[in-house]
Amino acid sequence: TLLCKDLSLSIKQGEHLIIEGSNGCGKSSLRRVLCGLWPLCSGTLRKPALNSHNLFYVPQRPYFPPGSLRAQLLYPHEEPQKIDPKLDKKLEHYMDMVGLPHLVGREGGWDTQRDWHDILSGGEKQRMAMARLFYHRPMFAVLDEATAAVSVDIEASLVSQCRAIGITMISISHRPQLRQYHTKR
């Protein structure tokens, strides 16, 4: 089904786009094409290569691979073979940025192995995914309802921090209060 005709869109670093609309209007389809999950059927799409340095995708329900707490923030990168205290300190900083500094102690440290989908609440999962985003610090991030399970004040802090560290956001959201953090709609 043709969702739109002659769509022309340009997003430069530092511009932030919010995509809003009712269910079924094509928001997720656009996201799938942007993230390379669906092929482009016609036209031209120019974007940075999909990797953690250029374009990073943060879904509403983030994936948590088997492994340690440390591995959750490093994903999709592999966890180093040797413990690096400098890396752990850096990861602690990102956990603090998302309001989860207590999680490392609560769960028994960075090396703790858990089924993180069962351990973390919905809001904790989304904040962990944002800590992961901050760690990778890409040029662009596609945020698909990435803060829907957190409170409005936490959401404001997370998206403000994205802007402050230079991550250009392409947000898909149902929350009108997010408009203020974006330059394009």
N, C-alpha and C. Protein backbone atom coordinates (compact mmCIF):
# COMPACT_ATOMS: atom_id res chain seq x y z
N THR A 1 0.84 -1.17 0.00
CA THR A 1 0.00 0.00 0.00
C THR A 1 0.88 1.24 0.00
N LEU A 2 0.61 2.15 -0.88
CA LEU A 2 1.35 3.40 -0.95
C LEU A 2 0.99 4.26 0.25
N LEU A 3 1.97 4.60 1.05
CA LEU A 3 1.72 5.39 2.25
C LEU A 3 1.85 6.89 1.99
N CYS A 4 2.76 7.27 1.14
CA CYS A 4 2.91 8.68 0.79
C CYS A 4 3.57 8.77 -0.58
N LYS A 5 3.34 9.90 -1.22
CA LYS A 5 3.89 10.10 -2.55
C LYS A 5 4.74 11.36 -2.53
N ASP A 6 5.89 11.28 -3.16
CA ASP A 6 6.79 12.43 -3.28
C ASP A 6 7.23 12.99 -1.94
N LEU A 7 7.58 12.15 -1.01
CA LEU A 7 8.10 12.60 0.27
C LEU A 7 9.53 13.06 0.08
N SER A 8 9.80 14.25 0.51
CA SER A 8 11.15 14.77 0.48
C SER A 8 11.47 15.28 1.87
N LEU A 9 12.54 14.80 2.43
CA LEU A 9 12.88 15.10 3.81
C LEU A 9 14.38 15.19 3.94
N SER A 10 14.83 16.21 4.62
CA SER A 10 16.25 16.38 4.88
C SER A 10 16.43 16.72 6.35
N ILE A 11 17.32 15.99 6.98
CA ILE A 11 17.62 16.23 8.39
C ILE A 11 19.14 16.33 8.52
N LYS A 12 19.59 17.47 8.97
CA LYS A 12 21.01 17.69 9.16
C LYS A 12 21.33 17.55 10.64
N GLN A 13 22.61 17.31 10.94
CA GLN A 13 23.02 17.22 12.33
C GLN A 13 22.60 18.49 13.06
N GLY A 14 22.05 18.30 14.25
CA GLY A 14 21.59 19.43 15.06
C GLY A 14 20.13 19.76 14.86
N GLU A 15 19.52 19.24 13.80
CA GLU A 15 18.08 19.38 13.61
C GLU A 15 17.45 18.13 14.24
N HIS A 16 16.30 18.31 14.81
CA HIS A 16 15.64 17.19 15.49
C HIS A 16 14.22 17.08 14.94
N LEU A 17 13.89 15.90 14.42
CA LEU A 17 12.60 15.66 13.80
C LEU A 17 11.72 14.81 14.70
N ILE A 18 10.46 15.24 14.86
CA ILE A 18 9.49 14.40 15.55
C ILE A 18 8.44 13.98 14.54
N ILE A 19 8.15 12.70 14.51
CA ILE A 19 7.15 12.13 13.61
C ILE A 19 5.97 11.69 14.49
N GLU A 20 4.82 12.29 14.23
CA GLU A 20 3.63 12.01 15.01
C GLU A 20 2.51 11.56 14.09
N GLY A 21 1.55 10.90 14.66
CA GLY A 21 0.39 10.48 13.88
C GLY A 21 -0.33 9.33 14.55
N SER A 22 -1.52 9.09 14.07
CA SER A 22 -2.32 8.02 14.65
C SER A 22 -1.77 6.65 14.24
N ASN A 23 -2.24 5.63 14.91
CA ASN A 23 -1.83 4.26 14.58
C ASN A 23 -2.19 3.96 13.12
N GLY A 24 -1.27 3.31 12.43
CA GLY A 24 -1.52 2.89 11.06
C GLY A 24 -1.23 3.94 10.00
N CYS A 25 -0.67 5.09 10.38
CA CYS A 25 -0.44 6.14 9.38
C CYS A 25 0.91 6.02 8.68
N GLY A 26 1.78 5.09 9.11
CA GLY A 26 3.04 4.87 8.43
C GLY A 26 4.28 5.26 9.20
N LYS A 27 4.15 5.64 10.46
CA LYS A 27 5.32 6.02 11.26
C LYS A 27 6.33 4.88 11.34
N SER A 28 5.85 3.71 11.67
CA SER A 28 6.75 2.56 11.82
C SER A 28 7.31 2.12 10.47
N SER A 29 6.53 2.26 9.42
CA SER A 29 7.03 1.91 8.08
C SER A 29 8.19 2.83 7.70
N LEU A 30 8.04 4.12 7.97
CA LEU A 30 9.12 5.07 7.69
C LEU A 30 10.36 4.71 8.51
N ARG A 31 10.16 4.38 9.78
CA ARG A 31 11.27 3.98 10.64
C ARG A 31 11.97 2.74 10.10
N ARG A 32 11.20 1.78 9.65
CA ARG A 32 11.80 0.54 9.14
C ARG A 32 12.64 0.80 7.90
N VAL A 33 12.20 1.70 7.03
CA VAL A 33 12.99 2.04 5.85
C VAL A 33 14.25 2.80 6.27
N LEU A 34 14.10 3.78 7.18
CA LEU A 34 15.26 4.56 7.65
C LEU A 34 16.32 3.66 8.28
N CYS A 35 15.88 2.67 9.02
CA CYS A 35 16.81 1.79 9.74
C CYS A 35 17.29 0.61 8.90
N GLY A 36 16.84 0.54 7.65
CA GLY A 36 17.29 -0.53 6.77
C GLY A 36 16.61 -1.86 7.00
N LEU A 37 15.51 -1.88 7.75
CA LEU A 37 14.80 -3.13 8.00
C LEU A 37 13.88 -3.50 6.84
N TRP A 38 13.42 -2.50 6.12
CA TRP A 38 12.60 -2.71 4.93
C TRP A 38 13.31 -2.06 3.75
N PRO A 39 13.17 -2.64 2.58
CA PRO A 39 13.80 -2.04 1.40
C PRO A 39 13.02 -0.80 0.93
N LEU A 40 13.72 0.10 0.32
CA LEU A 40 13.09 1.26 -0.30
C LEU A 40 12.56 0.80 -1.65
N CYS A 41 11.26 0.96 -1.88
CA CYS A 41 10.65 0.45 -3.11
C CYS A 41 10.88 1.36 -4.31
N SER A 42 10.97 2.66 -4.06
CA SER A 42 11.26 3.60 -5.15
C SER A 42 11.84 4.86 -4.54
N GLY A 43 12.44 5.66 -5.38
CA GLY A 43 13.02 6.91 -4.90
C GLY A 43 14.45 6.72 -4.44
N THR A 44 14.94 7.70 -3.70
CA THR A 44 16.32 7.70 -3.23
C THR A 44 16.34 7.99 -1.75
N LEU A 45 17.16 7.26 -1.05
CA LEU A 45 17.37 7.48 0.37
C LEU A 45 18.86 7.61 0.60
N ARG A 46 19.27 8.75 1.11
CA ARG A 46 20.67 8.96 1.45
C ARG A 46 20.74 9.16 2.96
N LYS A 47 21.55 8.34 3.59
CA LYS A 47 21.69 8.40 5.04
C LYS A 47 23.06 7.86 5.42
N PRO A 48 23.50 8.19 6.63
CA PRO A 48 24.76 7.60 7.08
C PRO A 48 24.61 6.08 7.20
N ALA A 49 25.71 5.39 7.10
CA ALA A 49 25.69 3.94 7.26
C ALA A 49 25.12 3.59 8.62
N LEU A 50 24.33 2.51 8.67
CA LEU A 50 23.73 2.08 9.92
C LEU A 50 24.79 1.37 10.75
N ASN A 51 25.37 2.11 11.67
CA ASN A 51 26.29 1.54 12.65
C ASN A 51 26.22 2.41 13.88
N SER A 52 26.83 1.97 14.95
CA SER A 52 26.66 2.66 16.23
C SER A 52 27.34 4.03 16.28
N HIS A 53 28.12 4.38 15.26
CA HIS A 53 28.74 5.71 15.24
C HIS A 53 27.91 6.71 14.45
N ASN A 54 27.10 6.24 13.54
CA ASN A 54 26.34 7.13 12.66
C ASN A 54 24.85 7.18 12.99
N LEU A 55 24.22 6.03 12.98
CA LEU A 55 22.77 5.94 13.13
C LEU A 55 22.45 4.80 14.09
N PHE A 56 21.75 5.12 15.16
CA PHE A 56 21.46 4.15 16.21
C PHE A 56 19.96 4.12 16.42
N TYR A 57 19.40 2.93 16.55
CA TYR A 57 17.96 2.76 16.71
C TYR A 57 17.65 2.37 18.15
N VAL A 58 16.71 3.10 18.78
CA VAL A 58 16.27 2.79 20.14
C VAL A 58 14.77 2.52 20.07
N PRO A 59 14.38 1.24 20.20
CA PRO A 59 12.95 0.88 20.11
C PRO A 59 12.21 1.07 21.44
N GLN A 60 10.91 0.99 21.37
CA GLN A 60 10.08 1.08 22.56
C GLN A 60 10.37 -0.09 23.51
N ARG A 61 10.59 -1.27 22.95
CA ARG A 61 10.93 -2.45 23.74
C ARG A 61 12.34 -2.88 23.36
N PRO A 62 13.35 -2.37 24.06
CA PRO A 62 14.74 -2.67 23.68
C PRO A 62 15.11 -4.13 23.88
N TYR A 63 16.07 -4.56 23.09
CA TYR A 63 16.61 -5.91 23.18
C TYR A 63 17.70 -5.95 24.25
N PHE A 64 17.71 -7.00 25.04
CA PHE A 64 18.74 -7.21 26.03
C PHE A 64 19.35 -8.59 25.79
N PRO A 65 20.60 -8.64 25.29
CA PRO A 65 21.21 -9.93 24.98
C PRO A 65 21.59 -10.68 26.25
N PRO A 66 21.76 -11.98 26.13
CA PRO A 66 22.26 -12.72 27.29
C PRO A 66 23.62 -12.15 27.69
N GLY A 67 23.86 -12.05 28.96
CA GLY A 67 25.16 -11.56 29.39
C GLY A 67 25.08 -10.66 30.61
N SER A 68 26.19 -10.04 30.89
CA SER A 68 26.35 -9.22 32.09
C SER A 68 25.62 -7.89 31.95
N LEU A 69 25.54 -7.19 33.06
CA LEU A 69 24.98 -5.84 33.04
C LEU A 69 25.82 -4.95 32.13
N ARG A 70 27.11 -5.11 32.18
CA ARG A 70 28.02 -4.34 31.32
C ARG A 70 27.69 -4.57 29.85
N ALA A 71 27.44 -5.83 29.50
CA ALA A 71 27.14 -6.18 28.10
C ALA A 71 25.88 -5.47 27.60
N GLN A 72 24.97 -5.15 28.51
CA GLN A 72 23.72 -4.50 28.10
C GLN A 72 23.97 -3.09 27.58
N LEU A 73 24.91 -2.39 28.18
CA LEU A 73 25.22 -1.03 27.74
C LEU A 73 26.12 -1.02 26.51
N LEU A 74 26.96 -2.03 26.37
CA LEU A 74 27.89 -2.08 25.25
C LEU A 74 27.23 -2.57 23.95
N TYR A 75 26.12 -3.29 24.07
CA TYR A 75 25.44 -3.85 22.90
C TYR A 75 25.20 -2.76 21.87
N PRO A 76 25.47 -2.99 20.57
CA PRO A 76 25.76 -4.26 19.92
C PRO A 76 27.24 -4.66 19.90
N HIS A 77 28.10 -3.91 20.57
CA HIS A 77 29.51 -4.28 20.65
C HIS A 77 29.70 -5.41 21.64
N GLU A 78 30.76 -6.16 21.45
CA GLU A 78 31.10 -7.27 22.34
C GLU A 78 31.70 -6.72 23.64
N GLU A 79 31.49 -7.44 24.70
CA GLU A 79 32.09 -7.10 25.98
C GLU A 79 33.57 -7.46 25.93
N PRO A 80 34.46 -6.60 26.47
CA PRO A 80 35.89 -6.92 26.44
C PRO A 80 36.20 -8.16 27.28
N GLN A 81 37.23 -8.88 26.89
CA GLN A 81 37.63 -10.10 27.61
C GLN A 81 38.18 -9.77 29.00
N LYS A 82 38.83 -8.63 29.12
CA LYS A 82 39.46 -8.24 30.37
C LYS A 82 38.67 -7.08 30.98
N ILE A 83 38.44 -7.12 32.28
CA ILE A 83 37.74 -6.04 32.97
C ILE A 83 38.57 -4.77 32.89
N ASP A 84 37.90 -3.68 32.51
CA ASP A 84 38.54 -2.38 32.36
C ASP A 84 37.87 -1.40 33.32
N PRO A 85 38.52 -1.06 34.42
CA PRO A 85 37.93 -0.15 35.40
C PRO A 85 37.55 1.22 34.79
N LYS A 86 38.33 1.68 33.81
CA LYS A 86 38.00 2.96 33.16
C LYS A 86 36.68 2.85 32.39
N LEU A 87 36.48 1.73 31.73
CA LEU A 87 35.22 1.51 31.01
C LEU A 87 34.06 1.47 32.00
N ASP A 88 34.21 0.75 33.10
CA ASP A 88 33.14 0.65 34.08
C ASP A 88 32.81 2.03 34.67
N LYS A 89 33.81 2.85 34.88
CA LYS A 89 33.58 4.21 35.39
C LYS A 89 32.78 5.02 34.37
N LYS A 90 33.13 4.86 33.11
CA LYS A 90 32.40 5.54 32.03
C LYS A 90 30.94 5.07 32.00
N LEU A 91 30.74 3.77 32.13
CA LEU A 91 29.38 3.21 32.12
C LEU A 91 28.58 3.69 33.33
N GLU A 92 29.25 3.83 34.48
CA GLU A 92 28.58 4.38 35.66
C GLU A 92 28.07 5.79 35.39
N HIS A 93 28.85 6.56 34.66
CA HIS A 93 28.45 7.92 34.30
C HIS A 93 27.15 7.89 33.47
N TYR A 94 27.06 6.98 32.52
CA TYR A 94 25.86 6.90 31.69
C TYR A 94 24.66 6.40 32.48
N MET A 95 24.90 5.51 33.44
CA MET A 95 23.81 5.06 34.30
C MET A 95 23.31 6.21 35.16
N ASP A 96 24.20 7.05 35.59
CA ASP A 96 23.82 8.23 36.36
C ASP A 96 23.01 9.20 35.49
N MET A 97 23.41 9.36 34.24
CA MET A 97 22.70 10.25 33.32
C MET A 97 21.24 9.86 33.14
N VAL A 98 20.95 8.57 33.22
CA VAL A 98 19.58 8.10 33.01
C VAL A 98 18.85 7.82 34.33
N GLY A 99 19.48 8.18 35.44
CA GLY A 99 18.84 8.01 36.73
C GLY A 99 18.83 6.60 37.27
N LEU A 100 19.82 5.80 36.88
CA LEU A 100 19.90 4.42 37.36
C LEU A 100 21.24 4.12 38.05
N PRO A 101 21.79 5.06 38.82
CA PRO A 101 23.09 4.76 39.44
C PRO A 101 23.04 3.62 40.44
N HIS A 102 21.88 3.37 41.02
CA HIS A 102 21.70 2.32 42.02
C HIS A 102 21.65 0.91 41.43
N LEU A 103 21.39 0.80 40.14
CA LEU A 103 21.14 -0.50 39.52
C LEU A 103 22.35 -1.44 39.60
N VAL A 104 23.55 -0.89 39.44
CA VAL A 104 24.76 -1.71 39.48
C VAL A 104 24.88 -2.39 40.85
N GLY A 105 24.69 -1.64 41.92
CA GLY A 105 24.75 -2.20 43.26
C GLY A 105 23.59 -3.14 43.55
N ARG A 106 22.41 -2.74 43.13
CA ARG A 106 21.22 -3.55 43.38
C ARG A 106 21.34 -4.94 42.76
N GLU A 107 21.93 -4.99 41.57
CA GLU A 107 22.02 -6.27 40.84
C GLU A 107 23.31 -7.03 41.07
N GLY A 108 24.23 -6.48 41.89
CA GLY A 108 25.43 -7.24 42.24
C GLY A 108 26.67 -6.92 41.42
N GLY A 109 26.66 -5.85 40.68
CA GLY A 109 27.85 -5.43 39.95
C GLY A 109 27.74 -5.60 38.44
N TRP A 110 28.75 -5.11 37.76
CA TRP A 110 28.77 -5.11 36.29
C TRP A 110 28.84 -6.51 35.69
N ASP A 111 29.41 -7.47 36.42
CA ASP A 111 29.59 -8.82 35.87
C ASP A 111 28.39 -9.73 36.09
N THR A 112 27.38 -9.24 36.77
CA THR A 112 26.20 -10.06 37.08
C THR A 112 25.49 -10.48 35.80
N GLN A 113 25.20 -11.77 35.72
CA GLN A 113 24.48 -12.35 34.58
C GLN A 113 23.02 -12.55 35.00
N ARG A 114 22.11 -12.00 34.23
CA ARG A 114 20.69 -12.14 34.52
C ARG A 114 19.91 -12.21 33.21
N ASP A 115 18.66 -12.61 33.32
CA ASP A 115 17.72 -12.45 32.21
C ASP A 115 17.14 -11.05 32.40
N TRP A 116 17.76 -10.07 31.77
CA TRP A 116 17.46 -8.66 32.03
C TRP A 116 16.03 -8.29 31.64
N HIS A 117 15.43 -9.00 30.72
CA HIS A 117 14.03 -8.73 30.37
C HIS A 117 13.11 -9.00 31.55
N ASP A 118 13.45 -9.99 32.37
CA ASP A 118 12.63 -10.34 33.52
C ASP A 118 12.93 -9.48 34.75
N ILE A 119 14.15 -8.98 34.85
CA ILE A 119 14.59 -8.24 36.04
C ILE A 119 14.17 -6.77 36.01
N LEU A 120 14.29 -6.14 34.86
CA LEU A 120 14.07 -4.70 34.75
C LEU A 120 12.62 -4.36 34.48
N SER A 121 12.16 -3.25 35.04
CA SER A 121 10.82 -2.74 34.74
C SER A 121 10.84 -2.12 33.34
N GLY A 122 9.68 -1.79 32.81
CA GLY A 122 9.61 -1.17 31.48
C GLY A 122 10.38 0.14 31.42
N GLY A 123 10.24 0.96 32.45
CA GLY A 123 10.96 2.23 32.48
C GLY A 123 12.46 2.04 32.61
N GLU A 124 12.88 1.05 33.41
CA GLU A 124 14.31 0.76 33.55
C GLU A 124 14.89 0.28 32.23
N LYS A 125 14.14 -0.54 31.51
CA LYS A 125 14.61 -1.02 30.21
C LYS A 125 14.82 0.15 29.26
N GLN A 126 13.87 1.08 29.23
CA GLN A 126 14.01 2.22 28.32
C GLN A 126 15.16 3.12 28.75
N ARG A 127 15.34 3.31 30.04
CA ARG A 127 16.47 4.14 30.50
C ARG A 127 17.80 3.45 30.23
N MET A 128 17.85 2.11 30.36
CA MET A 128 19.07 1.37 30.01
C MET A 128 19.38 1.54 28.53
N ALA A 129 18.34 1.49 27.69
CA ALA A 129 18.54 1.67 26.25
C ALA A 129 19.07 3.07 25.95
N MET A 130 18.62 4.05 26.71
CA MET A 130 19.13 5.42 26.51
C MET A 130 20.57 5.52 27.01
N ALA A 131 20.91 4.84 28.10
CA ALA A 131 22.31 4.81 28.56
C ALA A 131 23.19 4.18 27.48
N ARG A 132 22.67 3.14 26.84
CA ARG A 132 23.37 2.49 25.72
C ARG A 132 23.59 3.49 24.59
N LEU A 133 22.56 4.26 24.28
CA LEU A 133 22.66 5.30 23.25
C LEU A 133 23.73 6.32 23.62
N PHE A 134 23.73 6.79 24.87
CA PHE A 134 24.72 7.78 25.30
C PHE A 134 26.13 7.22 25.23
N TYR A 135 26.29 5.95 25.56
CA TYR A 135 27.60 5.32 25.47
C TYR A 135 28.11 5.34 24.03
N HIS A 136 27.25 4.96 23.09
CA HIS A 136 27.68 4.88 21.69
C HIS A 136 27.77 6.25 21.02
N ARG A 137 26.98 7.20 21.50
CA ARG A 137 27.00 8.59 21.05
C ARG A 137 27.07 8.72 19.52
N PRO A 138 26.02 8.24 18.83
CA PRO A 138 26.01 8.34 17.37
C PRO A 138 25.67 9.76 16.91
N MET A 139 25.82 10.00 15.62
CA MET A 139 25.41 11.30 15.07
C MET A 139 23.89 11.43 15.10
N PHE A 140 23.19 10.35 14.70
CA PHE A 140 21.73 10.35 14.61
C PHE A 140 21.16 9.18 15.41
N ALA A 141 20.00 9.41 16.03
CA ALA A 141 19.30 8.33 16.73
C ALA A 141 17.85 8.33 16.30
N VAL A 142 17.34 7.15 15.96
CA VAL A 142 15.92 6.97 15.68
C VAL A 142 15.32 6.43 16.97
N LEU A 143 14.46 7.25 17.58
CA LEU A 143 13.85 6.92 18.87
C LEU A 143 12.38 6.59 18.63
N ASP A 144 12.05 5.31 18.65
CA ASP A 144 10.68 4.86 18.36
C ASP A 144 9.94 4.61 19.68
N GLU A 145 9.22 5.63 20.15
CA GLU A 145 8.52 5.55 21.44
C GLU A 145 9.50 5.12 22.53
N ALA A 146 10.73 5.58 22.42
CA ALA A 146 11.82 5.14 23.29
C ALA A 146 11.69 5.59 24.73
N THR A 147 10.80 6.54 24.99
CA THR A 147 10.63 7.04 26.36
C THR A 147 9.17 6.93 26.83
N ALA A 148 8.39 6.10 26.17
CA ALA A 148 6.96 5.98 26.48
C ALA A 148 6.69 5.39 27.86
N ALA A 149 7.64 4.65 28.41
CA ALA A 149 7.41 3.98 29.70
C ALA A 149 8.03 4.73 30.88
N VAL A 150 8.54 5.94 30.63
CA VAL A 150 9.11 6.72 31.73
C VAL A 150 8.24 7.94 32.00
N SER A 151 8.42 8.53 33.15
CA SER A 151 7.65 9.71 33.51
C SER A 151 8.05 10.90 32.63
N VAL A 152 7.21 11.89 32.59
CA VAL A 152 7.45 13.07 31.76
C VAL A 152 8.74 13.79 32.16
N ASP A 153 9.04 13.87 33.45
CA ASP A 153 10.25 14.56 33.88
C ASP A 153 11.51 13.78 33.48
N ILE A 154 11.47 12.46 33.58
CA ILE A 154 12.61 11.64 33.15
C ILE A 154 12.77 11.75 31.63
N GLU A 155 11.65 11.68 30.93
CA GLU A 155 11.68 11.82 29.47
C GLU A 155 12.33 13.14 29.07
N ALA A 156 11.94 14.23 29.71
CA ALA A 156 12.51 15.55 29.41
C ALA A 156 14.02 15.54 29.63
N SER A 157 14.46 14.92 30.71
CA SER A 157 15.89 14.84 31.00
C SER A 157 16.63 14.04 29.92
N LEU A 158 16.06 12.91 29.52
CA LEU A 158 16.72 12.04 28.53
C LEU A 158 16.86 12.73 27.17
N VAL A 159 15.79 13.34 26.69
CA VAL A 159 15.88 13.97 25.36
C VAL A 159 16.71 15.25 25.42
N SER A 160 16.69 15.95 26.54
CA SER A 160 17.55 17.13 26.69
C SER A 160 19.02 16.73 26.66
N GLN A 161 19.33 15.59 27.29
CA GLN A 161 20.71 15.12 27.29
C GLN A 161 21.14 14.67 25.89
N CYS A 162 20.22 14.10 25.12
CA CYS A 162 20.54 13.75 23.73
C CYS A 162 21.01 15.00 22.99
N ARG A 163 20.23 16.04 23.11
CA ARG A 163 20.57 17.30 22.44
C ARG A 163 21.90 17.85 22.95
N ALA A 164 22.09 17.83 24.27
CA ALA A 164 23.29 18.42 24.89
C ALA A 164 24.57 17.72 24.45
N ILE A 165 24.52 16.42 24.22
CA ILE A 165 25.75 15.72 23.82
C ILE A 165 25.87 15.59 22.30
N GLY A 166 24.94 16.21 21.58
CA GLY A 166 25.08 16.29 20.13
C GLY A 166 24.48 15.16 19.32
N ILE A 167 23.54 14.42 19.90
CA ILE A 167 22.86 13.37 19.15
C ILE A 167 21.63 13.97 18.49
N THR A 168 21.55 13.89 17.18
CA THR A 168 20.39 14.39 16.44
C THR A 168 19.30 13.34 16.51
N MET A 169 18.11 13.76 16.99
CA MET A 169 17.01 12.83 17.22
C MET A 169 16.01 12.83 16.07
N ILE A 170 15.62 11.64 15.67
CA ILE A 170 14.46 11.42 14.81
C ILE A 170 13.52 10.61 15.68
N SER A 171 12.53 11.29 16.26
CA SER A 171 11.67 10.67 17.26
C SER A 171 10.30 10.34 16.69
N ILE A 172 9.84 9.16 17.03
CA ILE A 172 8.47 8.74 16.72
C ILE A 172 7.77 8.68 18.07
N SER A 173 6.69 9.46 18.21
CA SER A 173 6.07 9.54 19.52
C SER A 173 4.60 9.92 19.43
N HIS A 174 3.87 9.53 20.46
CA HIS A 174 2.48 9.95 20.63
C HIS A 174 2.38 11.07 21.65
N ARG A 175 3.47 11.42 22.29
CA ARG A 175 3.45 12.41 23.37
C ARG A 175 3.71 13.82 22.83
N PRO A 176 2.70 14.68 22.87
CA PRO A 176 2.87 16.04 22.34
C PRO A 176 3.91 16.87 23.09
N GLN A 177 4.18 16.56 24.35
CA GLN A 177 5.16 17.35 25.10
C GLN A 177 6.58 17.21 24.54
N LEU A 178 6.82 16.20 23.71
CA LEU A 178 8.15 16.03 23.11
C LEU A 178 8.41 17.04 21.99
N ARG A 179 7.38 17.64 21.45
CA ARG A 179 7.55 18.60 20.35
C ARG A 179 8.56 19.68 20.68
N GLN A 180 8.56 20.17 21.91
CA GLN A 180 9.43 21.28 22.30
C GLN A 180 10.92 20.97 22.16
N TYR A 181 11.28 19.70 22.09
CA TYR A 181 12.69 19.32 21.98
C TYR A 181 13.13 19.07 20.54
N HIS A 182 12.22 19.30 19.61
CA HIS A 182 12.48 19.04 18.20
C HIS A 182 12.32 20.31 17.38
N THR A 183 13.11 20.41 16.33
CA THR A 183 13.06 21.60 15.48
C THR A 183 12.19 21.40 14.24
N LYS A 184 11.84 20.16 13.93
CA LYS A 184 11.03 19.85 12.75
C LYS A 184 9.91 18.89 13.13
N ARG A 185 8.76 19.08 12.44
CA ARG A 185 7.64 18.15 12.63
C ARG A 185 7.12 17.76 11.27
